[in-house]
C-alpha cells in the first residue's frame, strides 16, 4: 500500500500489514500512523455541496403568431375607429375583423398552453 507522511508529505510504499500501525517516515524520521494514501486524499476533499432543489419549470412561451395577430387586431381597430370619427358612426366592417383576429390570438394562446 502507499501512504504519505503528514509532516513532510513524502509518499512511501509499505506492506499492507502495516495498515493502521505507527511507522517512521523514511525521509524525516517522524512517526505517523500508516493510512492508505487514497484514504488520505479522500479525507482532504471538500464536502459535497448541499443538494439544490430544481428550479421551477418555466411557463411555455407564446407562439409568435399570437403577438402578430394581436398587433393586427389593434391596428385594424385603430384604423376603423379613426375612419369612423368624421361620421360619428361605428364602422363594423373594420371592427369585426379586429375582433376576429383578437379572438384567434386568444384561442392560439390557450391551445399553446396545453
C-alpha atoms as a PDB file:
ATOM      1  CA  UNK A   1       0.000   0.000   0.000  1.00  0.00           C
ATOM      2  CA  UNK A   2       1.030   3.608  -0.482  1.00  0.00           C
ATOM      3  CA  UNK A   3       0.963   6.035   2.453  1.00  0.00           C
ATOM      4  CA  UNK A   4       2.036   9.646   2.971  1.00  0.00           C
ATOM      5  CA  UNK A   5       3.865  11.278   5.823  1.00  0.00           C
ATOM      6  CA  UNK A   6       1.752  14.121   7.264  1.00  0.00           C
ATOM      7  CA  UNK A   7       4.911  16.043   8.273  1.00  0.00           C
ATOM      8  CA  UNK A   8       6.979  16.096   5.055  1.00  0.00           C
ATOM      9  CA  UNK A   9       4.316  14.858   2.561  1.00  0.00           C
ATOM     10  CA  UNK A  10       6.604  12.113   1.214  1.00  0.00           C
ATOM     11  CA  UNK A  11       4.756   9.088  -0.123  1.00  0.00           C
ATOM     12  CA  UNK A  12       6.039   5.619   0.736  1.00  0.00           C
ATOM     13  CA  UNK A  13       5.227   2.149  -0.483  1.00  0.00           C
ATOM     14  CA  UNK A  14       4.869  -0.176   2.520  1.00  0.00           C
ATOM     15  CA  UNK A  15       3.460  -3.697   3.022  1.00  0.00           C
ATOM     16  CA  UNK A  16      -0.302  -3.907   3.667  1.00  0.00           C
ATOM     17  CA  UNK A  17       0.404  -5.486   7.053  1.00  0.00           C
ATOM     18  CA  UNK A  18       1.442  -2.018   8.387  1.00  0.00           C
ATOM     19  CA  UNK A  19      -2.018  -0.523   7.717  1.00  0.00           C
ATOM     20  CA  UNK A  20      -3.128   1.388  10.833  1.00  0.00           C
ATOM     21  CA  UNK A  21       0.186   0.894  12.635  1.00  0.00           C
ATOM     22  CA  UNK A  22       2.654   3.568  13.635  1.00  0.00           C
ATOM     23  CA  UNK A  23       5.695   3.730  11.362  1.00  0.00           C
ATOM     24  CA  UNK A  24       8.615   6.138  10.880  1.00  0.00           C
ATOM     25  CA  UNK A  25       8.938   8.232   7.744  1.00  0.00           C
ATOM     26  CA  UNK A  26      11.999   7.257   5.711  1.00  0.00           C
ATOM     27  CA  UNK A  27      12.648  10.911   4.826  1.00  0.00           C
ATOM     28  CA  UNK A  28      12.063  12.941   8.020  1.00  0.00           C
ATOM     29  CA  UNK A  29      12.126  10.059  10.541  1.00  0.00           C
ATOM     30  CA  UNK A  30       8.925  11.301  12.247  1.00  0.00           C
ATOM     31  CA  UNK A  31       6.475   8.630  13.447  1.00  0.00           C
ATOM     32  CA  UNK A  32       2.961   8.587  11.965  1.00  0.00           C
ATOM     33  CA  UNK A  33       0.043   6.213  11.534  1.00  0.00           C
ATOM     34  CA  UNK A  34       0.161   4.347   8.232  1.00  0.00           C
ATOM     35  CA  UNK A  35      -3.081   5.101   6.395  1.00  0.00           C
ATOM     36  CA  UNK A  36      -3.591   4.206   2.709  1.00  0.00           C
ATOM     37  CA  UNK A  37      -2.831   7.216   0.523  1.00  0.00           C
ATOM     38  CA  UNK A  38      -6.238   7.045  -1.156  1.00  0.00           C
ATOM     39  CA  UNK A  39      -7.952   7.405   2.237  1.00  0.00           C
ATOM     40  CA  UNK A  40      -5.792  10.465   2.971  1.00  0.00           C
ATOM     41  CA  UNK A  41      -6.699  12.091  -0.359  1.00  0.00           C
ATOM     42  CA  UNK A  42     -10.405  11.368   0.071  1.00  0.00           C
ATOM     43  CA  UNK A  43     -10.410  12.803   3.601  1.00  0.00           C
ATOM     44  CA  UNK A  44      -8.885  16.054   2.267  1.00  0.00           C
ATOM     45  CA  UNK A  45     -11.567  16.558  -0.381  1.00  0.00           C
ATOM     46  CA  UNK A  46     -14.069  19.335   0.321  1.00  0.00           C
ATOM     47  CA  UNK A  47     -17.528  18.140   1.345  1.00  0.00           C
ATOM     48  CA  UNK A  48     -20.158  17.756  -1.327  1.00  0.00           C
ATOM     49  CA  UNK A  49     -22.292  20.861  -1.792  1.00  0.00           C
ATOM     50  CA  UNK A  50     -25.832  20.582  -0.444  1.00  0.00           C
ATOM     51  CA  UNK A  51     -28.375  19.338  -2.925  1.00  0.00           C
ATOM     52  CA  UNK A  52     -30.286  22.167  -4.506  1.00  0.00           C
ATOM     53  CA  UNK A  53     -33.901  21.885  -5.426  1.00  0.00           C
ATOM     54  CA  UNK A  54     -34.584  22.062  -9.128  1.00  0.00           C
ATOM     55  CA  UNK A  55     -35.764  25.404 -10.392  1.00  0.00           C
ATOM     56  CA  UNK A  56     -39.497  25.657 -11.089  1.00  0.00           C
ATOM     57  CA  UNK A  57     -40.465  24.926 -14.673  1.00  0.00           C
ATOM     58  CA  UNK A  58     -40.688  27.940 -16.919  1.00  0.00           C
ATOM     59  CA  UNK A  59     -44.084  28.679 -18.396  1.00  0.00           C
ATOM     60  CA  UNK A  60     -44.321  27.810 -22.075  1.00  0.00           C
ATOM     61  CA  UNK A  61     -43.651  30.681 -24.413  1.00  0.00           C
ATOM     62  CA  UNK A  62     -46.452  32.035 -26.522  1.00  0.00           C
ATOM     63  CA  UNK A  63     -46.223  31.387 -30.233  1.00  0.00           C
ATOM     64  CA  UNK A  64     -45.020  34.428 -32.144  1.00  0.00           C
ATOM     65  CA  UNK A  65     -48.215  34.296 -34.176  1.00  0.00           C
ATOM     66  CA  UNK A  66     -50.212  35.406 -31.093  1.00  0.00           C
ATOM     67  CA  UNK A  67     -48.306  38.669 -30.963  1.00  0.00           C
ATOM     68  CA  UNK A  68     -48.709  39.246 -34.694  1.00  0.00           C
ATOM     69  CA  UNK A  69     -52.466  38.601 -34.548  1.00  0.00           C
ATOM     70  CA  UNK A  70     -52.903  40.919 -31.567  1.00  0.00           C
ATOM     71  CA  UNK A  71     -50.925  43.657 -33.329  1.00  0.00           C
ATOM     72  CA  UNK A  72     -53.051  43.309 -36.462  1.00  0.00           C
ATOM     73  CA  UNK A  73     -56.252  43.384 -34.388  1.00  0.00           C
ATOM     74  CA  UNK A  74     -55.061  46.556 -32.640  1.00  0.00           C
ATOM     75  CA  UNK A  75     -54.059  48.157 -35.952  1.00  0.00           C
ATOM     76  CA  UNK A  76     -57.342  47.347 -37.705  1.00  0.00           C
ATOM     77  CA  UNK A  77     -59.324  48.524 -34.674  1.00  0.00           C
ATOM     78  CA  UNK A  78     -57.483  51.878 -34.557  1.00  0.00           C
ATOM     79  CA  UNK A  79     -57.873  52.400 -38.305  1.00  0.00           C
ATOM     80  CA  UNK A  80     -61.595  51.591 -38.154  1.00  0.00           C
ATOM     81  CA  UNK A  81     -62.136  53.953 -35.209  1.00  0.00           C
ATOM     82  CA  UNK A  82     -60.201  56.761 -36.908  1.00  0.00           C
ATOM     83  CA  UNK A  83     -62.143  56.186 -40.128  1.00  0.00           C
ATOM     84  CA  UNK A  84     -65.450  56.346 -38.268  1.00  0.00           C
ATOM     85  CA  UNK A  85     -64.657  59.585 -36.360  1.00  0.00           C
ATOM     86  CA  UNK A  86     -65.734  62.061 -39.083  1.00  0.00           C
ATOM     87  CA  UNK A  87     -69.137  60.387 -39.447  1.00  0.00           C
ATOM     88  CA  UNK A  88     -69.603  59.600 -35.737  1.00  0.00           C
ATOM     89  CA  UNK A  89     -70.771  56.123 -36.735  1.00  0.00           C
ATOM     90  CA  UNK A  90     -69.170  52.807 -35.928  1.00  0.00           C
ATOM     91  CA  UNK A  91     -67.607  51.060 -38.863  1.00  0.00           C
ATOM     92  CA  UNK A  92     -68.482  47.405 -38.243  1.00  0.00           C
ATOM     93  CA  UNK A  93     -66.606  46.318 -41.345  1.00  0.00           C
ATOM     94  CA  UNK A  94     -63.342  47.329 -39.605  1.00  0.00           C
ATOM     95  CA  UNK A  95     -64.169  46.286 -36.050  1.00  0.00           C
ATOM     96  CA  UNK A  96     -65.378  42.755 -36.879  1.00  0.00           C
ATOM     97  CA  UNK A  97     -62.034  41.663 -38.441  1.00  0.00           C
ATOM     98  CA  UNK A  98     -60.199  43.205 -35.491  1.00  0.00           C
ATOM     99  CA  UNK A  99     -62.352  41.227 -33.042  1.00  0.00           C
ATOM    100  CA  UNK A 100     -61.850  38.019 -35.053  1.00  0.00           C
ATOM    101  CA  UNK A 101     -58.068  38.483 -35.031  1.00  0.00           C
ATOM    102  CA  UNK A 102     -58.056  39.118 -31.277  1.00  0.00           C
ATOM    103  CA  UNK A 103     -60.242  36.030 -30.745  1.00  0.00           C
ATOM    104  CA  UNK A 104     -57.897  33.918 -32.927  1.00  0.00           C
ATOM    105  CA  UNK A 105     -54.889  35.146 -30.931  1.00  0.00           C
ATOM    106  CA  UNK A 106     -56.581  34.173 -27.652  1.00  0.00           C
ATOM    107  CA  UNK A 107     -57.523  30.718 -28.998  1.00  0.00           C
ATOM    108  CA  UNK A 108     -53.959  30.163 -30.200  1.00  0.00           C
ATOM    109  CA  UNK A 109     -52.623  31.247 -26.797  1.00  0.00           C
ATOM    110  CA  UNK A 110     -54.943  28.823 -24.977  1.00  0.00           C
ATOM    111  CA  UNK A 111     -54.068  25.949 -27.316  1.00  0.00           C
ATOM    112  CA  UNK A 112     -50.340  26.531 -26.819  1.00  0.00           C
ATOM    113  CA  UNK A 113     -50.697  26.155 -23.016  1.00  0.00           C
ATOM    114  CA  UNK A 114     -51.990  22.572 -23.259  1.00  0.00           C
END
